[in-house]
């Protein structure tokens, strides 16, 4: 299947995402984004492939997260 927009997805590129700030004072959309990333508690860590949708979610709530690229 051919990628139609942006750069083609690289399977080896992953992100390690940690929730470092609370979502208590955030707007509901930001809370939903953090939940969609799979982060529930402070200092929780998840790993995701670096797809455009994940990168967009990370960019939207970057002030709450610590992100590092792995692999």
N, C-alpha and C. Protein backbone atom coordinates (compact mmCIF):
# COMPACT_ATOMS: atom_id res chain seq x y z
N UNK A 1 0.84 -1.17 0.00
CA UNK A 1 0.00 0.00 0.00
C UNK A 1 0.89 1.24 0.00
N UNK A 2 0.59 2.17 -0.87
CA UNK A 2 1.40 3.36 -1.02
C UNK A 2 0.93 4.47 -0.10
N UNK A 3 1.89 5.13 0.52
CA UNK A 3 1.58 6.28 1.39
C UNK A 3 1.22 7.46 0.50
N UNK A 4 0.10 8.11 0.79
CA UNK A 4 -0.35 9.19 -0.08
C UNK A 4 0.03 10.57 0.43
N UNK A 5 0.23 10.74 1.73
CA UNK A 5 0.55 12.06 2.27
C UNK A 5 1.78 11.97 3.15
N UNK A 6 2.62 12.98 3.10
CA UNK A 6 3.77 13.06 3.99
C UNK A 6 4.82 12.00 3.67
N UNK A 7 5.68 11.77 4.62
CA UNK A 7 6.72 10.76 4.45
C UNK A 7 6.16 9.38 4.71
N UNK A 8 6.71 8.37 4.05
CA UNK A 8 6.25 7.01 4.35
C UNK A 8 6.59 6.63 5.79
N UNK A 9 5.74 5.81 6.38
CA UNK A 9 5.91 5.39 7.77
C UNK A 9 7.11 4.47 7.89
N UNK A 10 7.97 4.76 8.85
CA UNK A 10 9.11 3.88 9.12
C UNK A 10 8.78 3.03 10.33
N UNK A 11 8.78 1.72 10.14
CA UNK A 11 8.33 0.81 11.18
C UNK A 11 9.26 0.81 12.40
N UNK A 12 10.55 1.11 12.23
CA UNK A 12 11.49 1.04 13.33
C UNK A 12 11.47 2.24 14.25
N UNK A 13 10.79 3.30 13.88
CA UNK A 13 10.80 4.53 14.67
C UNK A 13 9.73 4.44 15.75
N UNK A 14 10.15 4.54 17.01
CA UNK A 14 9.20 4.46 18.13
C UNK A 14 9.43 5.63 19.07
N UNK A 15 8.39 5.94 19.84
CA UNK A 15 8.46 7.00 20.83
C UNK A 15 8.17 6.43 22.21
N UNK A 16 8.92 6.88 23.20
CA UNK A 16 8.63 6.56 24.60
C UNK A 16 8.05 7.82 25.21
N UNK A 17 6.80 7.74 25.67
CA UNK A 17 6.06 8.91 26.13
C UNK A 17 5.76 8.76 27.62
N UNK A 18 6.09 9.80 28.40
CA UNK A 18 5.86 9.80 29.84
C UNK A 18 5.00 11.01 30.21
N UNK A 19 3.99 10.79 31.03
CA UNK A 19 3.14 11.88 31.52
C UNK A 19 3.82 12.51 32.73
N UNK A 20 4.25 13.77 32.61
CA UNK A 20 5.00 14.41 33.69
C UNK A 20 4.23 15.52 34.40
N UNK A 21 3.09 15.95 33.84
CA UNK A 21 2.26 16.96 34.50
C UNK A 21 0.83 16.46 34.55
N UNK A 22 0.11 16.90 35.55
CA UNK A 22 -1.27 16.48 35.76
C UNK A 22 -2.21 17.12 34.74
N UNK A 23 -3.31 16.42 34.47
CA UNK A 23 -4.32 16.94 33.55
C UNK A 23 -5.47 17.61 34.29
N UNK A 24 -5.33 17.85 35.57
CA UNK A 24 -6.42 18.40 36.38
C UNK A 24 -6.90 19.75 35.85
N UNK A 25 -6.00 20.65 35.52
CA UNK A 25 -6.40 21.98 35.09
C UNK A 25 -6.51 22.12 33.57
N UNK A 26 -6.50 21.01 32.86
CA UNK A 26 -6.54 21.04 31.40
C UNK A 26 -7.97 21.03 30.88
N UNK A 27 -8.10 21.48 29.63
CA UNK A 27 -9.40 21.42 28.98
C UNK A 27 -9.74 19.96 28.69
N UNK A 28 -11.02 19.62 28.58
CA UNK A 28 -11.41 18.23 28.35
C UNK A 28 -10.80 17.59 27.11
N UNK A 29 -10.57 18.36 26.08
CA UNK A 29 -9.96 17.79 24.87
C UNK A 29 -8.54 17.30 25.13
N UNK A 30 -7.79 18.02 25.95
CA UNK A 30 -6.43 17.59 26.29
C UNK A 30 -6.46 16.35 27.17
N UNK A 31 -7.41 16.30 28.09
CA UNK A 31 -7.55 15.08 28.93
C UNK A 31 -7.86 13.87 28.05
N UNK A 32 -8.72 14.04 27.08
CA UNK A 32 -9.09 12.94 26.19
C UNK A 32 -7.89 12.50 25.35
N UNK A 33 -7.06 13.45 24.93
CA UNK A 33 -5.88 13.11 24.14
C UNK A 33 -4.89 12.30 24.97
N UNK A 34 -4.68 12.71 26.21
CA UNK A 34 -3.77 11.96 27.09
C UNK A 34 -4.30 10.55 27.32
N UNK A 35 -5.60 10.43 27.53
CA UNK A 35 -6.21 9.12 27.72
C UNK A 35 -6.08 8.26 26.47
N UNK A 36 -6.24 8.87 25.29
CA UNK A 36 -6.13 8.14 24.03
C UNK A 36 -4.70 7.65 23.79
N UNK A 37 -3.73 8.35 24.34
CA UNK A 37 -2.34 7.90 24.25
C UNK A 37 -2.06 6.72 25.18
N UNK A 38 -2.99 6.43 26.08
CA UNK A 38 -2.82 5.30 26.99
C UNK A 38 -2.20 5.67 28.31
N UNK A 39 -2.17 6.96 28.63
CA UNK A 39 -1.57 7.43 29.88
C UNK A 39 -2.67 7.70 30.89
N UNK A 40 -2.58 7.07 32.05
CA UNK A 40 -3.61 7.21 33.06
C UNK A 40 -3.13 7.93 34.30
N UNK A 41 -1.91 7.64 34.74
CA UNK A 41 -1.38 8.20 35.98
C UNK A 41 -0.11 9.00 35.71
N UNK A 42 0.24 9.85 36.64
CA UNK A 42 1.46 10.62 36.55
C UNK A 42 2.66 9.68 36.49
N UNK A 43 3.63 10.01 35.67
CA UNK A 43 4.85 9.23 35.44
C UNK A 43 4.60 7.89 34.75
N UNK A 44 3.41 7.70 34.20
CA UNK A 44 3.14 6.50 33.42
C UNK A 44 3.91 6.61 32.10
N UNK A 45 4.38 5.46 31.59
CA UNK A 45 5.17 5.43 30.35
C UNK A 45 4.51 4.48 29.37
N UNK A 46 4.40 4.92 28.11
CA UNK A 46 3.92 4.07 27.03
C UNK A 46 4.86 4.21 25.85
N UNK A 47 4.86 3.21 24.98
CA UNK A 47 5.65 3.27 23.75
C UNK A 47 4.69 3.14 22.57
N UNK A 48 4.86 4.02 21.58
CA UNK A 48 4.04 4.00 20.38
C UNK A 48 4.93 4.14 19.16
N UNK A 49 4.46 3.60 18.02
CA UNK A 49 5.13 3.86 16.76
C UNK A 49 4.93 5.33 16.40
N UNK A 50 5.88 5.92 15.72
CA UNK A 50 5.84 7.34 15.38
C UNK A 50 5.01 7.57 14.12
N UNK A 51 3.71 7.37 14.23
CA UNK A 51 2.81 7.62 13.11
C UNK A 51 2.37 9.08 13.14
N UNK A 52 1.87 9.60 12.03
CA UNK A 52 1.41 10.99 12.01
C UNK A 52 0.32 11.28 13.05
N UNK A 53 -0.57 10.35 13.29
CA UNK A 53 -1.63 10.59 14.27
C UNK A 53 -1.07 10.67 15.69
N UNK A 54 -0.15 9.80 16.04
CA UNK A 54 0.48 9.84 17.36
C UNK A 54 1.30 11.12 17.52
N UNK A 55 2.04 11.50 16.48
CA UNK A 55 2.84 12.72 16.56
C UNK A 55 1.95 13.94 16.73
N UNK A 56 0.80 13.97 16.10
CA UNK A 56 -0.14 15.08 16.27
C UNK A 56 -0.69 15.15 17.68
N UNK A 57 -1.02 13.98 18.26
CA UNK A 57 -1.51 13.98 19.64
C UNK A 57 -0.43 14.44 20.61
N UNK A 58 0.80 13.99 20.39
CA UNK A 58 1.92 14.40 21.25
C UNK A 58 2.14 15.90 21.14
N UNK A 59 2.05 16.44 19.93
CA UNK A 59 2.25 17.89 19.74
C UNK A 59 1.16 18.69 20.45
N UNK A 60 -0.06 18.17 20.48
CA UNK A 60 -1.17 18.90 21.09
C UNK A 60 -1.02 19.03 22.60
N UNK A 61 -0.45 18.03 23.25
CA UNK A 61 -0.31 18.05 24.72
C UNK A 61 1.17 17.95 25.14
N UNK A 62 2.05 18.52 24.34
CA UNK A 62 3.49 18.40 24.60
C UNK A 62 3.90 19.01 25.94
N UNK A 63 3.14 19.99 26.43
CA UNK A 63 3.47 20.63 27.71
C UNK A 63 3.21 19.71 28.90
N UNK A 64 2.54 18.59 28.68
CA UNK A 64 2.27 17.62 29.75
C UNK A 64 3.20 16.41 29.68
N UNK A 65 3.93 16.27 28.58
CA UNK A 65 4.65 15.03 28.31
C UNK A 65 6.15 15.21 28.24
N UNK A 66 6.85 14.10 28.43
CA UNK A 66 8.28 13.99 28.16
C UNK A 66 8.39 12.90 27.10
N UNK A 67 8.94 13.23 25.95
CA UNK A 67 8.97 12.30 24.82
C UNK A 67 10.42 12.05 24.41
N UNK A 68 10.76 10.78 24.20
CA UNK A 68 12.07 10.46 23.66
C UNK A 68 11.91 9.44 22.54
N UNK A 69 12.75 9.59 21.54
CA UNK A 69 12.71 8.70 20.38
C UNK A 69 13.61 7.50 20.66
N UNK A 70 13.10 6.31 20.41
CA UNK A 70 13.87 5.09 20.62
C UNK A 70 13.85 4.28 19.33
N UNK A 71 14.82 3.41 19.20
CA UNK A 71 14.85 2.51 18.05
C UNK A 71 14.86 3.21 16.78
